[in-house]
N, C-alpha and C. Protein backbone atom coordinates (compact mmCIF):
# COMPACT_ATOMS: atom_id res chain seq x y z
N MET A 1 -32.69 33.50 -37.97
CA MET A 1 -32.61 33.05 -36.61
C MET A 1 -32.50 31.53 -36.61
N PRO A 2 -31.58 30.96 -35.79
CA PRO A 2 -31.40 29.52 -35.78
C PRO A 2 -32.61 28.83 -35.17
N ASP A 3 -32.80 27.63 -35.64
CA ASP A 3 -33.92 26.82 -35.18
C ASP A 3 -33.63 26.33 -33.76
N ALA A 4 -34.63 26.39 -32.87
CA ALA A 4 -34.46 25.98 -31.48
C ALA A 4 -34.16 24.50 -31.37
N ASN A 5 -34.63 23.67 -32.30
CA ASN A 5 -34.37 22.24 -32.26
C ASN A 5 -32.89 21.93 -32.52
N ASN A 6 -32.24 22.79 -33.28
CA ASN A 6 -30.81 22.59 -33.55
C ASN A 6 -29.94 23.02 -32.36
N LEU A 7 -30.43 23.94 -31.54
CA LEU A 7 -29.64 24.43 -30.41
C LEU A 7 -29.66 23.47 -29.23
N VAL A 8 -30.70 22.69 -29.06
CA VAL A 8 -30.81 21.80 -27.91
C VAL A 8 -29.67 20.78 -27.88
N PRO A 9 -29.38 20.08 -28.97
CA PRO A 9 -28.24 19.14 -28.90
C PRO A 9 -26.91 19.86 -28.70
N LEU A 10 -26.77 21.04 -29.25
CA LEU A 10 -25.54 21.79 -29.09
C LEU A 10 -25.34 22.20 -27.63
N VAL A 11 -26.38 22.69 -26.98
CA VAL A 11 -26.30 23.10 -25.58
C VAL A 11 -26.02 21.87 -24.69
N ALA A 12 -26.65 20.74 -24.98
CA ALA A 12 -26.43 19.52 -24.20
C ALA A 12 -24.99 19.05 -24.34
N SER A 13 -24.44 19.16 -25.53
CA SER A 13 -23.05 18.75 -25.77
C SER A 13 -22.08 19.65 -25.00
N VAL A 14 -22.33 20.95 -25.05
CA VAL A 14 -21.47 21.89 -24.32
C VAL A 14 -21.57 21.63 -22.82
N ARG A 15 -22.79 21.37 -22.32
CA ARG A 15 -22.98 21.10 -20.89
C ARG A 15 -22.21 19.85 -20.46
N ARG A 16 -22.25 18.79 -21.29
CA ARG A 16 -21.50 17.57 -20.95
C ARG A 16 -20.00 17.84 -20.94
N GLY A 17 -19.53 18.66 -21.86
CA GLY A 17 -18.11 19.00 -21.90
C GLY A 17 -17.68 19.78 -20.67
N ILE A 18 -18.52 20.69 -20.22
CA ILE A 18 -18.20 21.47 -19.02
C ILE A 18 -18.20 20.57 -17.80
N GLN A 19 -19.17 19.67 -17.71
CA GLN A 19 -19.23 18.75 -16.58
C GLN A 19 -18.01 17.83 -16.56
N ALA A 20 -17.59 17.35 -17.72
CA ALA A 20 -16.41 16.49 -17.78
C ALA A 20 -15.16 17.25 -17.36
N ALA A 21 -15.02 18.48 -17.80
CA ALA A 21 -13.86 19.29 -17.43
C ALA A 21 -13.85 19.57 -15.93
N ALA A 22 -15.02 19.85 -15.36
CA ALA A 22 -15.11 20.09 -13.92
C ALA A 22 -14.75 18.82 -13.14
N GLY A 23 -15.20 17.67 -13.64
CA GLY A 23 -14.86 16.41 -12.99
C GLY A 23 -13.37 16.13 -13.02
N LEU A 24 -12.72 16.42 -14.15
CA LEU A 24 -11.27 16.23 -14.25
C LEU A 24 -10.52 17.17 -13.31
N MET A 25 -11.00 18.40 -13.19
CA MET A 25 -10.33 19.35 -12.30
C MET A 25 -10.48 18.91 -10.85
N LEU A 26 -11.66 18.40 -10.47
CA LEU A 26 -11.84 17.91 -9.10
C LEU A 26 -10.97 16.69 -8.83
N THR A 27 -10.86 15.80 -9.80
CA THR A 27 -10.01 14.62 -9.65
C THR A 27 -8.54 15.03 -9.50
N ALA A 28 -8.09 15.95 -10.29
CA ALA A 28 -6.70 16.41 -10.20
C ALA A 28 -6.45 17.08 -8.85
N ALA A 29 -7.41 17.84 -8.35
CA ALA A 29 -7.24 18.48 -7.05
C ALA A 29 -7.18 17.45 -5.93
N ALA A 30 -8.01 16.40 -6.04
CA ALA A 30 -8.02 15.36 -5.02
C ALA A 30 -6.71 14.58 -5.03
N ILE A 31 -6.17 14.29 -6.20
CA ILE A 31 -4.92 13.55 -6.30
C ILE A 31 -3.76 14.37 -5.76
N SER A 32 -3.77 15.66 -6.00
CA SER A 32 -2.65 16.49 -5.55
C SER A 32 -2.64 16.65 -4.03
N THR A 33 -3.78 16.43 -3.36
CA THR A 33 -3.81 16.57 -1.91
C THR A 33 -3.49 15.26 -1.19
N LEU A 34 -3.37 14.13 -1.91
CA LEU A 34 -3.03 12.87 -1.28
C LEU A 34 -1.59 12.91 -0.76
N PRO A 35 -1.32 12.33 0.41
CA PRO A 35 0.06 12.33 0.89
C PRO A 35 0.92 11.41 0.04
N ALA A 36 2.15 11.80 -0.13
CA ALA A 36 3.08 10.99 -0.91
C ALA A 36 3.46 9.76 -0.10
N ARG A 37 3.58 8.63 -0.76
CA ARG A 37 3.97 7.40 -0.07
C ARG A 37 5.44 7.48 0.32
N ALA A 38 5.71 6.94 1.48
CA ALA A 38 7.09 6.92 1.94
C ALA A 38 7.90 5.98 1.06
N GLN A 39 9.05 6.41 0.69
CA GLN A 39 9.91 5.61 -0.18
C GLN A 39 10.94 4.81 0.61
N THR A 40 10.73 4.68 1.93
CA THR A 40 11.67 3.91 2.73
C THR A 40 11.39 2.43 2.56
N PRO A 41 12.40 1.64 2.37
CA PRO A 41 12.19 0.20 2.21
C PRO A 41 11.85 -0.45 3.54
N GLU A 42 11.31 -1.64 3.46
CA GLU A 42 11.01 -2.41 4.66
C GLU A 42 12.32 -2.74 5.38
N PRO A 43 12.29 -2.78 6.73
CA PRO A 43 13.52 -3.10 7.46
C PRO A 43 13.93 -4.54 7.22
N VAL A 44 15.23 -4.76 7.20
CA VAL A 44 15.78 -6.09 7.00
C VAL A 44 15.80 -6.80 8.35
N VAL A 45 15.10 -7.93 8.44
CA VAL A 45 15.04 -8.72 9.67
C VAL A 45 15.82 -10.01 9.43
N VAL A 46 16.81 -10.26 10.31
CA VAL A 46 17.65 -11.46 10.19
C VAL A 46 17.51 -12.27 11.47
N ARG A 47 17.14 -13.53 11.32
CA ARG A 47 17.04 -14.44 12.46
C ARG A 47 18.15 -15.48 12.34
N THR A 48 18.98 -15.58 13.37
CA THR A 48 20.10 -16.50 13.37
C THR A 48 19.91 -17.50 14.50
N VAL A 49 20.10 -18.79 14.19
CA VAL A 49 20.02 -19.84 15.21
C VAL A 49 21.36 -20.54 15.27
N THR A 50 21.96 -20.56 16.46
CA THR A 50 23.21 -21.26 16.70
C THR A 50 22.92 -22.34 17.73
N GLN A 51 23.38 -23.56 17.43
CA GLN A 51 23.03 -24.68 18.29
C GLN A 51 24.19 -25.64 18.44
N ASP A 52 24.36 -26.17 19.64
CA ASP A 52 25.30 -27.25 19.87
C ASP A 52 24.60 -28.29 20.75
N ASP A 53 25.35 -29.19 21.37
CA ASP A 53 24.70 -30.26 22.14
C ASP A 53 24.22 -29.79 23.51
N GLN A 54 24.56 -28.59 23.95
CA GLN A 54 24.15 -28.10 25.27
C GLN A 54 23.13 -26.95 25.22
N VAL A 55 23.20 -26.12 24.20
CA VAL A 55 22.41 -24.89 24.19
C VAL A 55 22.00 -24.52 22.76
N ARG A 56 20.89 -23.80 22.65
CA ARG A 56 20.42 -23.25 21.37
C ARG A 56 20.20 -21.75 21.57
N ILE A 57 20.79 -20.93 20.70
CA ILE A 57 20.72 -19.47 20.81
C ILE A 57 20.02 -18.93 19.57
N GLU A 58 18.92 -18.21 19.79
CA GLU A 58 18.19 -17.56 18.70
C GLU A 58 18.39 -16.05 18.83
N GLU A 59 18.85 -15.44 17.74
CA GLU A 59 19.12 -14.01 17.74
C GLU A 59 18.32 -13.35 16.63
N THR A 60 17.66 -12.24 16.95
CA THR A 60 16.88 -11.50 15.96
C THR A 60 17.49 -10.11 15.82
N ARG A 61 17.82 -9.74 14.59
CA ARG A 61 18.37 -8.41 14.30
C ARG A 61 17.47 -7.69 13.31
N VAL A 62 17.22 -6.40 13.58
CA VAL A 62 16.45 -5.56 12.68
C VAL A 62 17.35 -4.39 12.30
N ARG A 63 17.58 -4.24 10.99
CA ARG A 63 18.49 -3.21 10.46
C ARG A 63 19.88 -3.33 11.08
N GLY A 64 20.30 -4.55 11.40
CA GLY A 64 21.62 -4.79 11.93
C GLY A 64 21.74 -4.67 13.44
N ALA A 65 20.73 -4.13 14.11
CA ALA A 65 20.78 -3.97 15.57
C ALA A 65 20.09 -5.16 16.23
N VAL A 66 20.71 -5.68 17.28
CA VAL A 66 20.16 -6.84 17.99
C VAL A 66 18.89 -6.41 18.72
N GLN A 67 17.79 -7.12 18.47
CA GLN A 67 16.53 -6.84 19.13
C GLN A 67 16.18 -7.85 20.21
N ARG A 68 16.57 -9.11 19.98
CA ARG A 68 16.18 -10.16 20.92
C ARG A 68 17.17 -11.31 20.85
N ILE A 69 17.53 -11.84 22.03
CA ILE A 69 18.38 -13.02 22.13
C ILE A 69 17.70 -13.98 23.10
N VAL A 70 17.43 -15.19 22.64
CA VAL A 70 16.80 -16.21 23.47
C VAL A 70 17.76 -17.39 23.57
N VAL A 71 18.06 -17.82 24.81
CA VAL A 71 18.96 -18.94 25.06
C VAL A 71 18.12 -20.07 25.64
N GLU A 72 18.12 -21.20 24.96
CA GLU A 72 17.41 -22.39 25.44
C GLU A 72 18.43 -23.46 25.75
N GLN A 73 18.49 -23.83 27.02
CA GLN A 73 19.43 -24.87 27.44
C GLN A 73 18.76 -26.23 27.26
N LYS A 74 19.55 -27.22 26.86
CA LYS A 74 19.01 -28.57 26.69
C LYS A 74 18.59 -29.14 28.04
N VAL A 75 19.40 -28.88 29.06
CA VAL A 75 19.08 -29.30 30.42
C VAL A 75 18.85 -28.02 31.22
N GLY A 76 17.64 -27.85 31.73
CA GLY A 76 17.34 -26.63 32.48
C GLY A 76 16.36 -25.77 31.68
N GLY A 77 16.23 -24.54 32.13
CA GLY A 77 15.26 -23.63 31.52
C GLY A 77 15.84 -22.82 30.39
N SER A 78 15.03 -21.89 29.93
CA SER A 78 15.48 -20.97 28.89
C SER A 78 15.36 -19.55 29.43
N TYR A 79 16.13 -18.67 28.88
CA TYR A 79 16.09 -17.28 29.30
C TYR A 79 16.34 -16.38 28.10
N GLU A 80 15.99 -15.11 28.29
CA GLU A 80 16.16 -14.11 27.24
C GLU A 80 17.16 -13.07 27.73
N ILE A 81 18.06 -12.66 26.86
CA ILE A 81 19.04 -11.64 27.19
C ILE A 81 18.56 -10.32 26.60
N THR A 82 18.47 -9.30 27.43
CA THR A 82 18.04 -7.99 26.97
C THR A 82 19.22 -7.28 26.32
N PRO A 83 19.16 -7.00 25.02
CA PRO A 83 20.28 -6.30 24.39
C PRO A 83 20.33 -4.85 24.83
N PRO A 84 21.50 -4.25 24.82
CA PRO A 84 21.58 -2.84 25.20
C PRO A 84 20.83 -1.97 24.20
N SER A 85 20.18 -0.94 24.69
CA SER A 85 19.41 -0.04 23.85
C SER A 85 20.34 0.94 23.15
N ALA A 86 20.08 1.18 21.89
CA ALA A 86 20.90 2.12 21.13
C ALA A 86 20.51 3.56 21.44
N THR A 87 19.35 3.77 22.07
CA THR A 87 18.89 5.13 22.33
C THR A 87 19.36 5.67 23.67
N ILE A 88 19.84 4.79 24.56
CA ILE A 88 20.26 5.22 25.89
C ILE A 88 21.79 5.23 25.97
N ASP A 89 22.33 6.33 26.44
CA ASP A 89 23.78 6.44 26.63
C ASP A 89 24.14 5.72 27.93
N PRO A 90 24.91 4.61 27.86
CA PRO A 90 25.21 3.85 29.07
C PRO A 90 26.04 4.63 30.09
N SER A 91 26.81 5.64 29.66
CA SER A 91 27.62 6.40 30.60
C SER A 91 26.76 7.36 31.44
N ARG A 92 25.56 7.69 30.96
CA ARG A 92 24.69 8.61 31.69
C ARG A 92 23.56 7.89 32.42
N SER A 93 23.39 6.63 32.16
CA SER A 93 22.31 5.88 32.80
C SER A 93 22.75 5.38 34.17
N PRO A 94 21.94 5.57 35.22
CA PRO A 94 22.33 5.11 36.55
C PRO A 94 22.39 3.58 36.64
N THR A 95 21.50 2.91 35.93
CA THR A 95 21.49 1.44 35.93
C THR A 95 21.40 0.96 34.49
N PRO A 96 22.52 0.63 33.88
CA PRO A 96 22.45 0.14 32.50
C PRO A 96 21.67 -1.17 32.45
N ARG A 97 20.77 -1.29 31.47
CA ARG A 97 19.89 -2.43 31.38
C ARG A 97 20.35 -3.45 30.34
N GLY A 98 21.35 -3.16 29.60
CA GLY A 98 21.79 -4.06 28.54
C GLY A 98 22.51 -5.28 29.06
N GLY A 99 22.23 -6.42 28.46
CA GLY A 99 22.92 -7.64 28.80
C GLY A 99 22.34 -8.40 29.98
N GLU A 100 21.23 -7.94 30.54
CA GLU A 100 20.63 -8.64 31.67
C GLU A 100 19.84 -9.85 31.20
N ARG A 101 19.77 -10.86 32.06
CA ARG A 101 19.00 -12.06 31.74
C ARG A 101 17.61 -11.96 32.34
N ARG A 102 16.64 -12.41 31.58
CA ARG A 102 15.28 -12.51 32.08
C ARG A 102 14.85 -13.96 31.91
N TRP A 103 14.59 -14.61 33.03
CA TRP A 103 14.21 -16.01 33.00
C TRP A 103 12.72 -16.14 32.70
N ARG A 104 12.40 -17.11 31.87
CA ARG A 104 10.99 -17.40 31.59
C ARG A 104 10.55 -18.50 32.55
N LEU A 105 9.63 -18.16 33.44
CA LEU A 105 9.17 -19.13 34.42
C LEU A 105 7.96 -19.92 33.89
N PHE A 106 7.07 -19.24 33.21
CA PHE A 106 5.87 -19.89 32.69
C PHE A 106 5.77 -19.66 31.20
N SER A 107 5.27 -20.64 30.50
CA SER A 107 5.09 -20.52 29.06
C SER A 107 3.65 -20.87 28.73
N PHE A 108 2.94 -19.93 28.10
CA PHE A 108 1.54 -20.16 27.76
C PHE A 108 1.37 -20.28 26.27
């Protein structure tokens, strides 16, 4: 019959091995349930400034679509032009909103 003193280290070693294997299985299960990261790149943002002696025009494009146009006159105020929306069909809209000017009255 084997000595009980020899079995204690053997049982402890087997127990540590089982605990390590269980920990690895839990880690693998947790990793497999994580959502995959989106592989879409960041949108390309381009800011263009055109200026002459009378006016300065700042245009912001995201993914090639115009998002914002700001016109600053050297003499007088500045205003923003609302670009047409790509999601709205202008032929079906009762009042197309693209190309309208919005004057900035106050600046904070």
